[in-house]
Amino acid sequence: MGKAVIPELPQRTGRDFGGRRGGGAATRITEIRRRKRSAAAGRWANFLVLLVLACAAAVLVAIPQATGSRTYTVRTDLMAPAYPAGTFLVVKPTPLSQLKYGDVVTYRPTLDSTEVLTRRIVGFGAQQNGERTLITKADNAVVNDAQPVHARQIMGKPLYAIPLAGYLAGAAGDMDRDLLMVQAAAGLAGLCMLLIFLGARRRRTG
């Protein structure tokens, strides 16, 4: 009887069954899974960035514009810890008749002043002509402010405040704050569109 012939097994050459290098089908599957995880992580990162930008655009631009508010930067610690230096302050116009004891108010020290002050109301007064005025005081001051605040000086009541964000606005110096907010909104919108475009492109090429 002749000897049985045992077929030789193919030698591993580092190629898969399709003739391509890459360590075999298992390696290809691992690589596909890695790319999917990377793509998913990228999409989540883009989503989080877009969410942060949307929130920033809302609190820094959209809400002040929608409520007719003005924005200011607190430059001293006289109202700390409620409003420390560097706070971005959004002030909504509020008439004197709607202000009460303990409220915080933002006003001009004089009618022709470009500076504004933010103080707490500690009382009310009246002029000889019957005009009602405010008595104010900084939270960290020992005595009340020397001059009463008239209705025409009042800019409004703080709607909300963002600590430290005022430093970004302060870096713009004497630029028009409203123009700066519009430019910031346009920049945020452009960045959002860029991230959406890059995300869509990654999905097509992934």
Protein backbone atom coordinates (compact mmCIF):
# COMPACT_ATOMS: atom_id res chain seq x y z
CA MET A 1 0.00 0.00 0.00
CA GLY A 2 1.18 3.54 -0.74
CA LYS A 3 1.79 6.14 1.90
CA ALA A 4 -1.04 8.52 2.72
CA VAL A 5 -0.35 12.02 1.52
CA ILE A 6 -1.09 14.71 4.10
CA PRO A 7 -1.88 18.03 2.49
CA GLU A 8 0.36 20.86 3.64
CA LEU A 9 -1.31 23.72 5.49
CA PRO A 10 -0.79 27.15 4.02
CA GLN A 11 1.92 29.13 5.76
CA ARG A 12 0.95 32.38 7.48
CA THR A 13 2.44 35.23 5.57
CA GLY A 14 0.92 38.21 7.35
CA ARG A 15 -1.77 38.58 4.66
CA ASP A 16 -5.48 38.04 5.01
CA PHE A 17 -7.51 35.78 2.73
CA GLY A 18 -7.95 38.58 0.25
CA GLY A 19 -4.23 38.90 -0.24
CA ARG A 20 -3.98 42.18 1.68
CA ARG A 21 -1.56 42.82 4.47
CA GLY A 22 -2.92 43.66 7.91
CA GLY A 23 -2.70 40.61 10.15
CA GLY A 24 -5.89 38.86 9.12
CA ALA A 25 -9.65 39.35 9.45
CA ALA A 26 -9.49 39.78 13.24
CA THR A 27 -7.13 42.73 12.88
CA ARG A 28 -9.38 44.34 10.29
CA ILE A 29 -12.41 44.00 12.58
CA THR A 30 -10.45 45.53 15.47
CA GLU A 31 -9.40 48.44 13.26
CA ILE A 32 -13.00 49.04 12.11
CA ARG A 33 -14.20 49.07 15.71
CA ARG A 34 -11.44 51.49 16.69
CA ARG A 35 -12.41 53.87 13.88
CA LYS A 36 -16.07 53.71 14.90
CA ARG A 37 -15.20 54.51 18.51
CA SER A 38 -12.99 57.40 17.39
CA ALA A 39 -15.75 58.76 15.14
CA ALA A 40 -18.32 58.50 17.95
CA ALA A 41 -15.97 60.30 20.36
CA GLY A 42 -15.43 63.02 17.76
CA ARG A 43 -19.17 63.51 17.31
CA TRP A 44 -19.69 63.79 21.08
CA ALA A 45 -16.82 66.28 21.36
CA ASN A 46 -18.33 68.40 18.59
CA PHE A 47 -21.74 68.23 20.28
CA LEU A 48 -20.32 69.38 23.61
CA VAL A 49 -18.43 72.23 21.96
CA LEU A 50 -21.58 73.31 20.11
CA LEU A 51 -23.57 73.13 23.37
CA VAL A 52 -21.04 75.32 25.19
CA LEU A 53 -20.98 77.82 22.32
CA ALA A 54 -24.77 77.92 22.19
CA CYS A 55 -24.97 78.60 25.94
CA ALA A 56 -22.29 81.27 25.68
CA ALA A 57 -24.09 82.94 22.78
CA ALA A 58 -27.35 82.89 24.75
CA VAL A 59 -26.10 84.36 28.01
CA LEU A 60 -23.61 86.83 26.49
CA VAL A 61 -25.55 87.99 23.43
CA ALA A 62 -29.06 86.66 22.83
CA ILE A 63 -30.64 87.24 26.25
CA PRO A 64 -29.25 90.79 26.69
CA GLN A 65 -30.44 91.70 23.19
CA ALA A 66 -33.88 90.13 23.68
CA THR A 67 -34.49 91.84 27.03
CA GLY A 68 -33.15 95.24 26.00
CA SER A 69 -30.44 94.95 28.65
CA ARG A 70 -27.02 96.56 28.70
CA THR A 71 -23.82 94.80 29.72
CA TYR A 72 -21.11 96.09 32.03
CA THR A 73 -17.95 94.88 33.71
CA VAL A 74 -17.52 95.20 37.49
CA ARG A 75 -14.08 96.73 38.09
CA THR A 76 -13.78 96.71 41.89
CA ASP A 77 -14.53 94.39 44.82
CA LEU A 78 -16.81 96.89 46.56
CA MET A 79 -19.80 94.62 45.87
CA ALA A 80 -18.00 91.30 46.50
CA PRO A 81 -18.81 88.51 47.05
CA ALA A 82 -22.08 89.09 45.20
CA TYR A 83 -20.38 90.88 42.30
CA PRO A 84 -16.57 90.65 42.53
CA ALA A 85 -14.21 92.40 40.14
CA GLY A 86 -14.32 90.92 36.64
CA THR A 87 -18.01 90.03 36.80
CA PHE A 88 -19.95 90.34 33.53
CA LEU A 89 -23.13 92.15 34.55
CA VAL A 90 -26.33 92.13 32.47
CA VAL A 91 -28.50 95.07 33.56
CA LYS A 92 -32.15 95.29 32.57
CA PRO A 93 -33.75 98.77 32.49
CA THR A 94 -35.90 99.15 35.60
CA PRO A 95 -37.74 102.30 36.74
CA LEU A 96 -37.26 103.62 40.26
CA SER A 97 -40.88 102.80 41.08
CA GLN A 98 -40.14 99.06 40.72
CA LEU A 99 -37.07 99.08 42.95
CA LYS A 100 -37.27 98.15 46.63
CA TYR A 101 -35.09 98.08 49.71
CA GLY A 102 -32.23 95.59 49.37
CA ASP A 103 -32.23 95.55 45.56
CA VAL A 104 -28.99 96.09 43.67
CA VAL A 105 -29.08 98.94 41.17
CA THR A 106 -26.71 100.16 38.46
CA TYR A 107 -26.61 103.89 37.80
CA ARG A 108 -24.52 106.77 36.50
CA PRO A 109 -22.94 108.90 39.24
CA THR A 110 -23.69 111.97 37.06
CA LEU A 111 -25.86 112.38 33.99
CA ASP A 112 -22.90 113.05 31.68
CA SER A 113 -20.70 110.29 33.14
CA THR A 114 -19.57 107.34 31.03
CA GLU A 115 -18.87 105.40 34.23
CA VAL A 116 -21.53 103.37 36.02
CA LEU A 117 -21.73 102.20 39.61
CA THR A 118 -23.47 99.17 41.06
CA ARG A 119 -24.72 99.54 44.61
CA ARG A 120 -27.32 98.15 47.02
CA ILE A 121 -30.40 100.19 47.96
CA VAL A 122 -30.41 100.88 51.70
CA GLY A 123 -33.13 103.49 51.79
CA PHE A 124 -35.25 106.06 49.97
CA GLY A 125 -35.31 109.83 50.13
CA ALA A 126 -37.19 112.73 48.60
CA GLN A 127 -36.27 116.14 47.24
CA GLN A 128 -38.06 119.37 48.12
CA ASN A 129 -40.01 119.11 44.88
CA GLY A 130 -41.26 115.67 45.92
CA GLU A 131 -38.94 113.72 43.61
CA ARG A 132 -38.12 110.31 45.06
CA THR A 133 -34.44 109.31 45.30
CA LEU A 134 -32.39 106.27 46.30
CA ILE A 135 -29.93 105.95 49.15
CA THR A 136 -27.22 103.47 48.16
CA LYS A 137 -24.22 101.76 49.68
CA ALA A 138 -21.53 99.35 48.51
CA ASP A 139 -21.64 96.02 50.35
CA ASN A 140 -18.02 96.45 51.46
CA ALA A 141 -18.27 100.13 52.34
CA VAL A 142 -18.63 101.43 55.88
CA VAL A 143 -20.91 104.37 55.12
CA ASN A 144 -23.65 105.15 52.60
CA ASP A 145 -22.86 106.92 49.35
CA ALA A 146 -22.74 110.67 49.79
CA GLN A 147 -25.08 111.59 46.93
CA PRO A 148 -28.65 110.38 46.43
CA VAL A 149 -29.50 108.65 43.15
CA HIS A 150 -32.15 110.28 40.97
CA ALA A 151 -34.49 108.37 38.66
CA ARG A 152 -32.79 109.76 35.53
CA GLN A 153 -29.44 108.34 36.66
CA ILE A 154 -30.69 104.75 36.97
CA MET A 155 -29.56 102.31 34.27
CA GLY A 156 -31.45 99.37 35.71
CA LYS A 157 -31.33 96.31 37.92
CA PRO A 158 -28.92 93.38 37.35
CA LEU A 159 -30.70 90.55 35.54
CA TYR A 160 -27.84 88.08 36.02
CA ALA A 161 -24.07 88.06 36.36
CA ILE A 162 -21.24 85.83 35.14
CA PRO A 163 -18.06 85.83 37.29
CA LEU A 164 -14.76 86.50 35.47
CA ALA A 165 -16.42 86.82 32.04
CA GLY A 166 -16.15 90.60 32.34
CA TYR A 167 -12.40 90.39 31.84
CA LEU A 168 -13.01 89.27 28.24
CA ALA A 169 -15.20 92.28 27.59
CA GLY A 170 -12.73 94.52 29.39
CA ALA A 171 -9.98 93.38 27.04
CA ALA A 172 -11.82 95.17 24.24
CA GLY A 173 -11.02 98.50 25.88
CA ASP A 174 -13.16 101.38 24.67
CA MET A 175 -14.78 99.52 21.79
CA ASP A 176 -18.53 99.78 21.35
CA ARG A 177 -19.90 97.02 23.62
CA ASP A 178 -23.01 96.45 21.49
CA LEU A 179 -20.91 96.13 18.32
CA LEU A 180 -18.60 93.73 20.11
CA MET A 181 -21.54 91.54 21.15
CA VAL A 182 -22.82 91.41 17.55
CA GLN A 183 -19.36 90.46 16.29
CA ALA A 184 -19.06 87.80 18.98
CA ALA A 185 -22.43 86.34 17.99
CA ALA A 186 -21.36 86.23 14.33
CA GLY A 187 -18.10 84.53 15.29
CA LEU A 188 -19.85 81.91 17.42
CA ALA A 189 -22.34 81.20 14.64
CA GLY A 190 -19.51 80.81 12.13
CA LEU A 191 -17.63 78.43 14.42
CA CYS A 192 -20.78 76.35 14.95
CA MET A 193 -21.26 76.04 11.20
CA LEU A 194 -17.62 75.00 10.77
CA LEU A 195 -17.93 72.27 13.40
CA ILE A 196 -21.14 70.98 11.79
CA PHE A 197 -19.44 70.90 8.37
CA LEU A 198 -16.37 69.08 9.70
CA GLY A 199 -18.58 66.55 11.50
CA ALA A 200 -20.59 65.83 8.33
CA ARG A 201 -17.41 65.49 6.31
CA ARG A 202 -15.92 63.05 8.82
CA ARG A 203 -19.03 60.87 8.64
CA ARG A 204 -18.80 60.72 4.82
CA THR A 205 -15.15 59.78 4.80
CA GLY A 206 -15.24 57.52 7.88
